[in-house]
Amino acid sequence: MTAPTQVPVPTRSSAELIRAEEPVLAHNYHPLPVVVARAEGTWVEDVEGRRYLDMLAGYSALNFGHRHPALIDAAHRQLDRLTLTSRAFHHDKLAEFAERLAELTGLDMVLPMNTGAEAVESGIKVARKWAYEVKGVPADRATIVVAAENFHGRTTTIVSFSTDETARQGFGPFTPGFRIVPYNDLAALEAAVDETTAAVLLEPIQGEAGVVVPDAGYLAGVRELTRRKGCLFIADEIQSGLGRTGRTLAVEHESVVPDVLLLGKALGGGIVPVSAVVARRDVLAVLRPGEHGSTFGGNPLAAAVGTAVVELLETGEYQRRATELGVVLRGGLDRLVGKGVTGFRARGLWAGVDIDPVIGTGREIGERLMREGVLVKDTHGSTIRLAPPLTITADELESALGALEKVLA
């Protein structure tokens, strides 16, 4: 580990800082009791100087590790020049960002936004507009088909088509216009798509659900079905994209090109929130001035960092690392099946690991791993997610797997 840049040490301990949050922060998260003060690469350090191997990577926002030198350099250089104009004016970084992101993804046009949820909301608006103007769906009749157990964000419209009651309860009334079908079920999808369908919106791999990888042929089947039925295929690659699965995009495992691609998280390099809707020209061309916007979307700092992220991915290095180290990850998890692990799903450097409930909940396993110097996050009961930075070494990965074996024993 490279020595982290020295920063002033907080005057309060981890316990004191956690207690200080309680009365002033909304309780919309239940974080592990670790207070991070600095980070470098795959490692973070708390206020007492304890070091932890980061096996979550900000839910894939830190695909290139903490404070990647190329990304930090791009941010520093831009901070000294220009940070925001709003889209009321042009700036000198936006064209290159859009051009290179479109080329990287094999699509035509880019709508820059900030957060992943904004990209999803924008994608929904674009799909509806396309349905009315291009497909000819009657006004206010457009539908979008989604998958059960999805996670696309937590805005009011997005939780309207969630099947997670924790995300929904107390937040109605909900936005109409969505049909929910089982994931990985082409027959159910076919039955749900009709003349009002603007789009099918799916995660190529369901992250929050526990890294659920669909059967071979499913994504190709979705692509064929949407073409045949005359609706859009929107792939939400906010977690699965940008190198995580061993390809630039998870849909590439089946040689699929969606009509609309939603990106976020890693696009900002763990430095600033950057997201984007990337689509065919005829789809994004339905937007006209005043119909959609964002003050910070595509700002100069975001564009500079986003361009640097694209440059890293253009080399193919990180996709190769995810593929090669994914073999190490799968091998380590295979050894643990029947020894506290009841099963797992993995692709590239991303895995959902089901823990025997007799041994503990996902939360409890996360707390035990934290005490061993490894940070993970639970999801859905006794499942934990492993998504380390793509910069992790084989030795670091084996160390994390060894820690998991220890806490399961």
Protein backbone atom coordinates (compact mmCIF):
# COMPACT_ATOMS: atom_id res chain seq x y z
CA MET A 1 0.00 0.00 0.00
CA THR A 2 1.28 3.46 -0.89
CA ALA A 3 1.38 5.67 2.18
CA PRO A 4 -1.81 7.75 2.27
CA THR A 5 -1.49 11.50 2.00
CA GLN A 6 -1.24 12.87 5.52
CA VAL A 7 -4.29 14.76 6.70
CA PRO A 8 -5.03 16.33 10.07
CA VAL A 9 -6.05 13.62 12.54
CA PRO A 10 -9.60 14.18 13.88
CA THR A 11 -9.67 15.18 17.52
CA ARG A 12 -12.54 12.78 18.26
CA SER A 13 -12.44 8.99 18.29
CA SER A 14 -14.47 6.74 16.02
CA ALA A 15 -16.97 6.08 18.80
CA GLU A 16 -17.33 9.79 19.53
CA LEU A 17 -17.82 10.66 15.88
CA ILE A 18 -20.46 7.95 15.43
CA ARG A 19 -22.33 9.23 18.50
CA ALA A 20 -22.09 12.79 17.18
CA GLU A 21 -23.87 11.77 13.95
CA GLU A 22 -26.87 10.30 15.74
CA PRO A 23 -28.82 13.49 16.55
CA VAL A 24 -28.00 15.44 13.38
CA LEU A 25 -28.01 12.93 10.49
CA ALA A 26 -31.13 11.37 9.00
CA HIS A 27 -31.13 7.65 9.72
CA ASN A 28 -31.45 6.47 6.13
CA TYR A 29 -28.33 4.28 6.37
CA HIS A 30 -27.07 1.69 8.83
CA PRO A 31 -23.31 1.85 8.27
CA LEU A 32 -20.75 -0.44 9.82
CA PRO A 33 -19.12 1.19 12.86
CA VAL A 34 -15.93 2.26 11.11
CA VAL A 35 -15.02 5.94 10.60
CA VAL A 36 -12.76 6.33 7.56
CA ALA A 37 -10.34 9.25 7.56
CA ARG A 38 -8.06 8.52 4.60
CA ALA A 39 -7.64 6.05 1.76
CA GLU A 40 -5.31 4.99 -1.03
CA GLY A 41 -5.82 2.30 -3.64
CA THR A 42 -7.59 -0.68 -2.13
CA TRP A 43 -7.04 0.35 1.48
CA VAL A 44 -8.78 2.72 3.88
CA GLU A 45 -7.71 3.89 7.31
CA ASP A 46 -9.89 4.93 10.24
CA VAL A 47 -9.35 7.84 12.62
CA GLU A 48 -7.36 5.63 14.99
CA GLY A 49 -5.05 4.50 12.19
CA ARG A 50 -6.47 1.00 11.74
CA ARG A 51 -6.26 -0.21 8.11
CA TYR A 52 -8.96 -2.09 6.21
CA LEU A 53 -9.06 -3.76 2.81
CA ASP A 54 -12.00 -2.26 0.92
CA MET A 55 -14.02 -5.09 -0.65
CA LEU A 56 -17.04 -2.91 -1.46
CA ALA A 57 -15.47 -0.07 -3.51
CA GLY A 58 -18.41 2.27 -2.97
CA TYR A 59 -20.83 -0.16 -4.65
CA SER A 60 -18.55 -0.01 -7.74
CA ALA A 61 -18.08 3.78 -7.64
CA LEU A 62 -14.42 3.10 -6.80
CA ASN A 63 -13.66 0.62 -9.57
CA PHE A 64 -10.22 2.24 -9.99
CA GLY A 65 -9.50 2.38 -6.28
CA HIS A 66 -9.32 5.28 -3.89
CA ARG A 67 -7.59 8.37 -5.25
CA HIS A 68 -6.29 6.85 -8.49
CA PRO A 69 -3.35 9.10 -9.50
CA ALA A 70 -4.60 9.74 -13.04
CA LEU A 71 -8.06 10.69 -11.80
CA ILE A 72 -6.77 12.87 -8.97
CA ASP A 73 -4.44 14.62 -11.42
CA ALA A 74 -7.31 15.29 -13.82
CA ALA A 75 -9.40 16.71 -10.99
CA HIS A 76 -6.58 18.89 -9.68
CA ARG A 77 -5.83 20.33 -13.11
CA GLN A 78 -9.48 21.13 -13.71
CA LEU A 79 -9.98 22.63 -10.23
CA ASP A 80 -7.33 25.19 -11.11
CA ARG A 81 -9.16 26.21 -14.30
CA LEU A 82 -12.96 25.92 -14.19
CA THR A 83 -15.47 23.89 -12.18
CA LEU A 84 -18.95 25.00 -13.26
CA THR A 85 -20.64 26.98 -15.99
CA SER A 86 -24.08 25.29 -15.94
CA ARG A 87 -25.37 24.23 -19.34
CA ALA A 88 -26.35 27.85 -20.03
CA PHE A 89 -22.96 28.07 -21.74
CA HIS A 90 -20.60 25.71 -23.53
CA HIS A 91 -17.32 24.68 -21.91
CA ASP A 92 -14.15 23.19 -23.35
CA LYS A 93 -14.32 19.74 -21.69
CA LEU A 94 -17.79 18.52 -22.56
CA ALA A 95 -17.38 17.60 -26.24
CA GLU A 96 -14.38 15.33 -25.62
CA PHE A 97 -16.12 13.59 -22.71
CA ALA A 98 -19.26 12.92 -24.76
CA GLU A 99 -17.35 11.83 -27.87
CA ARG A 100 -15.11 9.39 -26.04
CA LEU A 101 -17.88 7.95 -23.87
CA ALA A 102 -20.06 7.38 -26.94
CA GLU A 103 -17.18 5.68 -28.74
CA LEU A 104 -16.35 3.50 -25.71
CA THR A 105 -19.93 2.24 -25.49
CA GLY A 106 -20.65 1.91 -29.21
CA LEU A 107 -23.55 4.35 -29.08
CA ASP A 108 -24.14 7.79 -30.54
CA MET A 109 -25.21 10.50 -28.07
CA VAL A 110 -24.73 11.34 -24.41
CA LEU A 111 -26.98 13.06 -21.88
CA PRO A 112 -24.77 13.92 -18.89
CA MET A 113 -26.28 13.91 -15.41
CA ASN A 114 -24.98 13.55 -11.86
CA THR A 115 -26.26 10.56 -9.88
CA GLY A 116 -27.31 7.11 -10.97
CA ALA A 117 -30.91 7.74 -9.97
CA GLU A 118 -30.90 10.86 -12.17
CA ALA A 119 -29.70 8.77 -15.09
CA VAL A 120 -32.53 6.28 -14.52
CA GLU A 121 -35.15 9.04 -14.22
CA SER A 122 -33.77 10.65 -17.37
CA GLY A 123 -33.86 7.34 -19.21
CA ILE A 124 -37.51 6.87 -18.26
CA LYS A 125 -38.41 10.35 -19.52
CA VAL A 126 -36.55 9.82 -22.79
CA ALA A 127 -38.20 6.42 -23.35
CA ARG A 128 -41.68 7.87 -22.81
CA LYS A 129 -40.98 10.81 -25.13
CA TRP A 130 -39.67 8.41 -27.77
CA ALA A 131 -42.78 6.24 -27.41
CA TYR A 132 -45.09 9.19 -28.08
CA GLU A 133 -43.11 10.90 -30.82
CA VAL A 134 -41.57 7.94 -32.66
CA LYS A 135 -43.56 4.81 -31.83
CA GLY A 136 -46.92 6.55 -31.78
CA VAL A 137 -48.18 5.40 -28.38
CA PRO A 138 -51.29 7.42 -27.39
CA ALA A 139 -50.62 10.29 -24.96
CA ASP A 140 -50.03 9.24 -21.34
CA ARG A 141 -50.40 5.54 -22.16
CA ALA A 142 -46.73 4.52 -22.37
CA THR A 143 -45.60 1.61 -20.20
CA ILE A 144 -42.16 0.41 -19.16
CA VAL A 145 -41.51 -3.23 -18.25
CA VAL A 146 -39.09 -3.87 -15.37
CA ALA A 147 -37.89 -6.90 -13.42
CA ALA A 148 -38.79 -7.98 -9.91
CA GLU A 149 -36.06 -7.55 -7.27
CA ASN A 150 -34.67 -4.64 -9.29
CA PHE A 151 -32.67 -1.78 -7.86
CA HIS A 152 -32.51 1.38 -9.94
CA GLY A 153 -32.45 4.01 -7.16
CA ARG A 154 -34.73 5.46 -4.51
CA THR A 155 -36.55 8.42 -6.05
CA THR A 156 -40.34 8.44 -5.87
CA THR A 157 -40.82 7.22 -9.44
CA ILE A 158 -38.16 4.53 -9.14
CA VAL A 159 -39.51 3.05 -5.89
CA SER A 160 -42.89 2.94 -7.63
CA PHE A 161 -41.65 -0.11 -9.53
CA SER A 162 -39.51 -1.62 -6.77
CA THR A 163 -40.54 -4.90 -5.14
CA ASP A 164 -38.60 -4.06 -1.97
CA GLU A 165 -41.20 -3.05 0.60
CA THR A 166 -38.58 -1.31 2.73
CA ALA A 167 -37.97 1.07 -0.18
CA ARG A 168 -41.71 1.56 -0.82
CA GLN A 169 -43.53 1.57 2.50
CA GLY A 170 -44.71 5.03 3.46
CA PHE A 171 -43.75 6.73 0.20
CA GLY A 172 -46.91 6.41 -1.92
CA PRO A 173 -48.87 7.31 -3.95
CA PHE A 174 -46.75 5.75 -6.64
CA THR A 175 -46.11 6.65 -10.26
CA PRO A 176 -48.11 4.50 -12.71
CA GLY A 177 -46.95 3.14 -16.04
CA PHE A 178 -44.74 0.20 -15.01
CA ARG A 179 -45.18 -3.55 -15.36
CA ILE A 180 -43.13 -5.90 -13.21
CA VAL A 181 -42.13 -9.37 -14.42
CA PRO A 182 -39.79 -12.00 -12.94
CA TYR A 183 -36.12 -11.49 -13.77
CA ASN A 184 -34.50 -14.01 -16.10
CA ASP A 185 -37.89 -15.08 -17.54
CA LEU A 186 -38.22 -14.35 -21.25
CA ALA A 187 -41.72 -15.85 -21.49
CA ALA A 188 -43.03 -13.51 -18.79
CA LEU A 189 -41.34 -10.57 -20.47
CA GLU A 190 -42.87 -11.44 -23.83
CA ALA A 191 -46.34 -11.59 -22.27
CA ALA A 192 -45.92 -8.16 -20.65
CA VAL A 193 -44.76 -6.26 -23.73
CA ASP A 194 -47.52 -4.81 -25.92
CA GLU A 195 -48.20 -1.87 -28.24
CA THR A 196 -47.96 0.60 -25.33
CA THR A 197 -44.51 -0.55 -24.23
CA ALA A 198 -41.91 2.18 -24.53
CA ALA A 199 -39.04 0.19 -23.09
CA VAL A 200 -37.79 -2.78 -21.14
CA LEU A 201 -35.56 -1.54 -18.30
CA LEU A 202 -33.21 -4.12 -16.76
CA GLU A 203 -29.98 -4.53 -14.84
CA PRO A 204 -27.84 -6.96 -16.87
CA ILE A 205 -26.80 -8.32 -13.46
CA GLN A 206 -28.95 -7.48 -10.45
CA GLY A 207 -26.57 -5.99 -7.88
CA GLU A 208 -28.65 -5.13 -4.84
CA ALA A 209 -30.55 -8.40 -5.19
CA GLY A 210 -27.31 -10.25 -4.47
CA VAL A 211 -25.34 -10.14 -7.73
CA VAL A 212 -27.91 -12.23 -9.62
CA VAL A 213 -26.46 -13.32 -12.97
CA PRO A 214 -29.09 -14.32 -15.55
CA ASP A 215 -28.97 -17.50 -17.60
CA ALA A 216 -26.85 -17.52 -20.74
CA GLY A 217 -28.94 -16.19 -23.60
CA TYR A 218 -31.29 -14.10 -21.48
CA LEU A 219 -29.87 -10.70 -22.42
CA ALA A 220 -29.61 -11.68 -26.07
CA GLY A 221 -33.24 -12.81 -25.84
CA VAL A 222 -34.28 -9.46 -24.36
CA ARG A 223 -32.47 -7.70 -27.21
CA GLU A 224 -34.23 -9.84 -29.85
CA LEU A 225 -37.64 -9.45 -28.19
CA THR A 226 -37.42 -5.65 -27.90
CA ARG A 227 -36.37 -5.30 -31.54
CA ARG A 228 -39.19 -7.56 -32.67
CA LYS A 229 -41.78 -5.79 -30.50
CA GLY A 230 -40.61 -2.30 -31.45
CA CYS A 231 -39.61 -1.02 -28.02
CA LEU A 232 -36.35 0.13 -26.44
CA PHE A 233 -33.95 -1.97 -24.40
CA ILE A 234 -32.58 0.14 -21.54
CA ALA A 235 -29.61 -1.46 -19.75
CA ASP A 236 -28.89 -0.08 -16.28
CA GLU A 237 -25.12 -0.62 -16.00
CA ILE A 238 -24.63 1.81 -13.13
CA GLN A 239 -23.18 -0.96 -10.93
CA SER A 240 -22.30 -3.63 -13.50
CA GLY A 241 -20.60 -1.40 -16.05
CA LEU A 242 -17.17 0.14 -16.62
CA GLY A 243 -15.00 -2.91 -16.10
CA ARG A 244 -16.60 -4.57 -13.11
CA THR A 245 -17.54 -7.85 -14.81
CA GLY A 246 -14.46 -8.23 -17.00
CA ARG A 247 -15.92 -6.33 -19.93
CA THR A 248 -16.51 -2.61 -20.34
CA LEU A 249 -20.23 -3.39 -20.10
CA ALA A 250 -21.92 -6.49 -18.71
CA VAL A 251 -24.12 -6.76 -21.82
CA GLU A 252 -20.98 -7.42 -23.85
CA HIS A 253 -20.83 -10.94 -22.41
CA GLU A 254 -23.66 -11.69 -24.84
CA SER A 255 -22.57 -9.28 -27.58
CA VAL A 256 -25.63 -7.13 -26.92
CA VAL A 257 -25.87 -3.42 -27.70
CA PRO A 258 -28.86 -1.81 -25.95
CA ASP A 259 -30.74 1.18 -27.33
CA VAL A 260 -30.17 3.11 -24.13
CA LEU A 261 -27.39 2.67 -21.59
CA LEU A 262 -27.42 4.08 -18.06
CA LEU A 263 -24.04 4.75 -16.45
CA GLY A 264 -22.92 6.24 -13.14
CA LYS A 265 -20.87 5.39 -10.05
CA ALA A 266 -17.43 4.48 -11.54
CA LEU A 267 -17.88 7.15 -14.23
CA GLY A 268 -16.98 9.72 -11.56
CA GLY A 269 -13.90 7.81 -10.42
CA GLY A 270 -14.95 8.02 -6.77
CA ILE A 271 -14.23 11.77 -6.90
CA VAL A 272 -17.40 13.50 -8.12
CA PRO A 273 -20.88 12.20 -8.96
CA VAL A 274 -21.07 11.66 -12.72
CA SER A 275 -23.77 9.77 -14.59
CA ALA A 276 -24.97 9.59 -18.16
CA VAL A 277 -27.66 8.33 -20.47
CA VAL A 278 -25.93 7.06 -23.61
CA ALA A 279 -28.19 6.12 -26.49
CA ARG A 280 -28.85 5.87 -30.20
CA ARG A 281 -29.08 9.22 -31.90
CA ASP A 282 -32.75 8.81 -32.87
CA VAL A 283 -33.65 8.12 -29.23
CA LEU A 284 -31.90 11.04 -27.52
CA ALA A 285 -32.84 13.34 -30.40
CA VAL A 286 -36.39 13.50 -28.98
CA LEU A 287 -35.15 15.93 -26.31
CA ARG A 288 -35.35 19.63 -27.08
CA PRO A 289 -34.16 22.67 -25.13
CA GLY A 290 -36.13 23.19 -21.94
CA GLU A 291 -37.57 19.68 -21.75
CA HIS A 292 -34.90 18.23 -19.46
CA GLY A 293 -31.80 19.53 -17.74
CA SER A 294 -29.39 19.64 -14.83
CA THR A 295 -27.39 22.59 -13.50
CA PHE A 296 -24.42 20.40 -12.60
CA GLY A 297 -24.86 17.69 -15.26
CA GLY A 298 -21.79 17.60 -17.49
CA ASN A 299 -19.97 20.29 -15.50
CA PRO A 300 -16.29 20.90 -16.37
CA LEU A 301 -14.93 19.05 -13.33
CA ALA A 302 -17.21 16.06 -13.95
CA ALA A 303 -16.31 16.02 -17.65
CA ALA A 304 -12.58 16.14 -16.91
CA VAL A 305 -12.77 13.27 -14.43
CA GLY A 306 -15.16 11.30 -16.65
CA THR A 307 -12.81 11.65 -19.61
CA ALA A 308 -9.93 10.37 -17.47
CA VAL A 309 -12.07 7.37 -16.47
CA VAL A 310 -12.77 6.62 -20.14
CA GLU A 311 -9.03 6.84 -20.84
CA LEU A 312 -8.35 4.19 -18.20
CA LEU A 313 -10.97 1.89 -19.70
CA GLU A 314 -9.73 2.43 -23.27
CA THR A 315 -6.54 0.53 -22.37
CA GLY A 316 -8.49 -2.64 -21.52
CA GLU A 317 -6.24 -3.16 -18.46
CA TYR A 318 -9.02 -3.03 -15.90
CA GLN A 319 -11.33 -5.31 -17.85
CA ARG A 320 -8.48 -7.86 -18.05
CA ARG A 321 -7.76 -7.55 -14.34
CA ALA A 322 -11.41 -8.16 -13.48
CA THR A 323 -11.41 -11.26 -15.68
CA GLU A 324 -8.17 -12.70 -14.34
CA LEU A 325 -8.79 -11.90 -10.68
CA GLY A 326 -12.37 -13.06 -11.07
CA VAL A 327 -10.92 -16.56 -11.45
CA VAL A 328 -9.16 -16.13 -8.09
CA LEU A 329 -12.37 -14.87 -6.50
CA ARG A 330 -14.45 -17.78 -7.80
CA GLY A 331 -11.81 -20.28 -6.76
CA GLY A 332 -11.70 -18.93 -3.23
CA LEU A 333 -15.48 -18.95 -2.92
CA ASP A 334 -15.69 -22.48 -4.35
CA ARG A 335 -13.49 -23.63 -1.47
CA LEU A 336 -15.90 -22.12 1.05
CA VAL A 337 -19.09 -23.73 -0.28
CA GLY A 338 -20.26 -26.12 2.40
CA LYS A 339 -18.01 -24.41 4.95
CA GLY A 340 -20.35 -21.59 5.89
CA VAL A 341 -21.16 -20.54 2.32
CA THR A 342 -24.32 -22.10 0.89
CA GLY A 343 -23.80 -20.69 -2.59
CA PHE A 344 -22.60 -17.71 -4.57
CA ARG A 345 -22.96 -15.92 -7.89
CA ALA A 346 -20.04 -14.15 -9.53
CA ARG A 347 -18.92 -12.47 -12.68
CA GLY A 348 -15.58 -10.73 -12.94
CA LEU A 349 -14.67 -9.06 -9.65
CA TRP A 350 -18.23 -9.08 -8.35
CA ALA A 351 -19.90 -11.71 -6.20
CA GLY A 352 -22.97 -12.24 -4.07
CA VAL A 353 -22.19 -14.74 -1.33
CA ASP A 354 -24.93 -16.55 0.57
CA ILE A 355 -23.96 -17.26 4.16
CA ASP A 356 -25.45 -20.14 6.14
CA PRO A 357 -27.99 -18.36 8.38
CA VAL A 358 -26.93 -20.61 11.26
CA ILE A 359 -23.54 -18.88 11.19
CA GLY A 360 -24.90 -15.35 11.02
CA THR A 361 -26.70 -12.67 9.09
CA GLY A 362 -24.96 -10.71 6.38
CA ARG A 363 -24.69 -7.80 8.79
CA GLU A 364 -23.04 -9.96 11.45
CA ILE A 365 -20.56 -11.38 8.96
CA GLY A 366 -19.77 -7.83 7.84
CA GLU A 367 -19.05 -6.80 11.43
CA ARG A 368 -16.82 -9.84 11.99
CA LEU A 369 -14.91 -9.12 8.79
CA MET A 370 -14.49 -5.51 9.83
CA ARG A 371 -12.74 -6.71 12.98
CA GLU A 372 -10.42 -8.73 10.70
CA GLY A 373 -9.62 -5.62 8.65
CA VAL A 374 -11.90 -6.30 5.68
CA LEU A 375 -14.89 -4.15 4.68
CA VAL A 376 -17.93 -5.64 2.91
CA LYS A 377 -21.66 -4.88 2.93
CA ASP A 378 -24.63 -7.14 3.41
CA THR A 379 -27.79 -7.33 1.35
CA HIS A 380 -30.98 -9.35 1.76
CA GLY A 381 -30.54 -11.24 5.01
CA SER A 382 -27.52 -13.54 4.93
CA THR A 383 -25.99 -12.41 1.65
CA ILE A 384 -22.85 -10.28 1.40
CA ARG A 385 -21.49 -8.55 -1.68
CA LEU A 386 -17.85 -8.58 -2.73
CA ALA A 387 -16.85 -5.86 -5.19
CA PRO A 388 -13.26 -4.80 -4.59
CA PRO A 389 -11.51 -2.11 -6.60
CA LEU A 390 -10.24 -3.48 -9.91
CA THR A 391 -6.77 -2.45 -8.75
CA ILE A 392 -6.70 -5.13 -6.05
CA THR A 393 -3.82 -7.61 -6.18
CA ALA A 394 -4.17 -11.39 -6.11
CA ASP A 395 -2.49 -11.46 -2.68
CA GLU A 396 -4.92 -8.88 -1.30
CA LEU A 397 -7.85 -10.81 -2.71
CA GLU A 398 -6.61 -14.06 -1.19
CA SER A 399 -6.15 -12.23 2.12
CA ALA A 400 -9.79 -11.09 2.05
CA LEU A 401 -10.98 -14.61 1.21
CA GLY A 402 -8.84 -15.94 4.06
CA ALA A 403 -10.50 -13.49 6.44
CA LEU A 404 -13.92 -14.66 5.25
CA GLU A 405 -12.93 -18.28 5.84
CA LYS A 406 -11.76 -17.37 9.34
CA VAL A 407 -14.96 -15.60 10.39
CA LEU A 408 -17.11 -18.41 8.96
CA ALA A 409 -15.14 -20.93 11.03
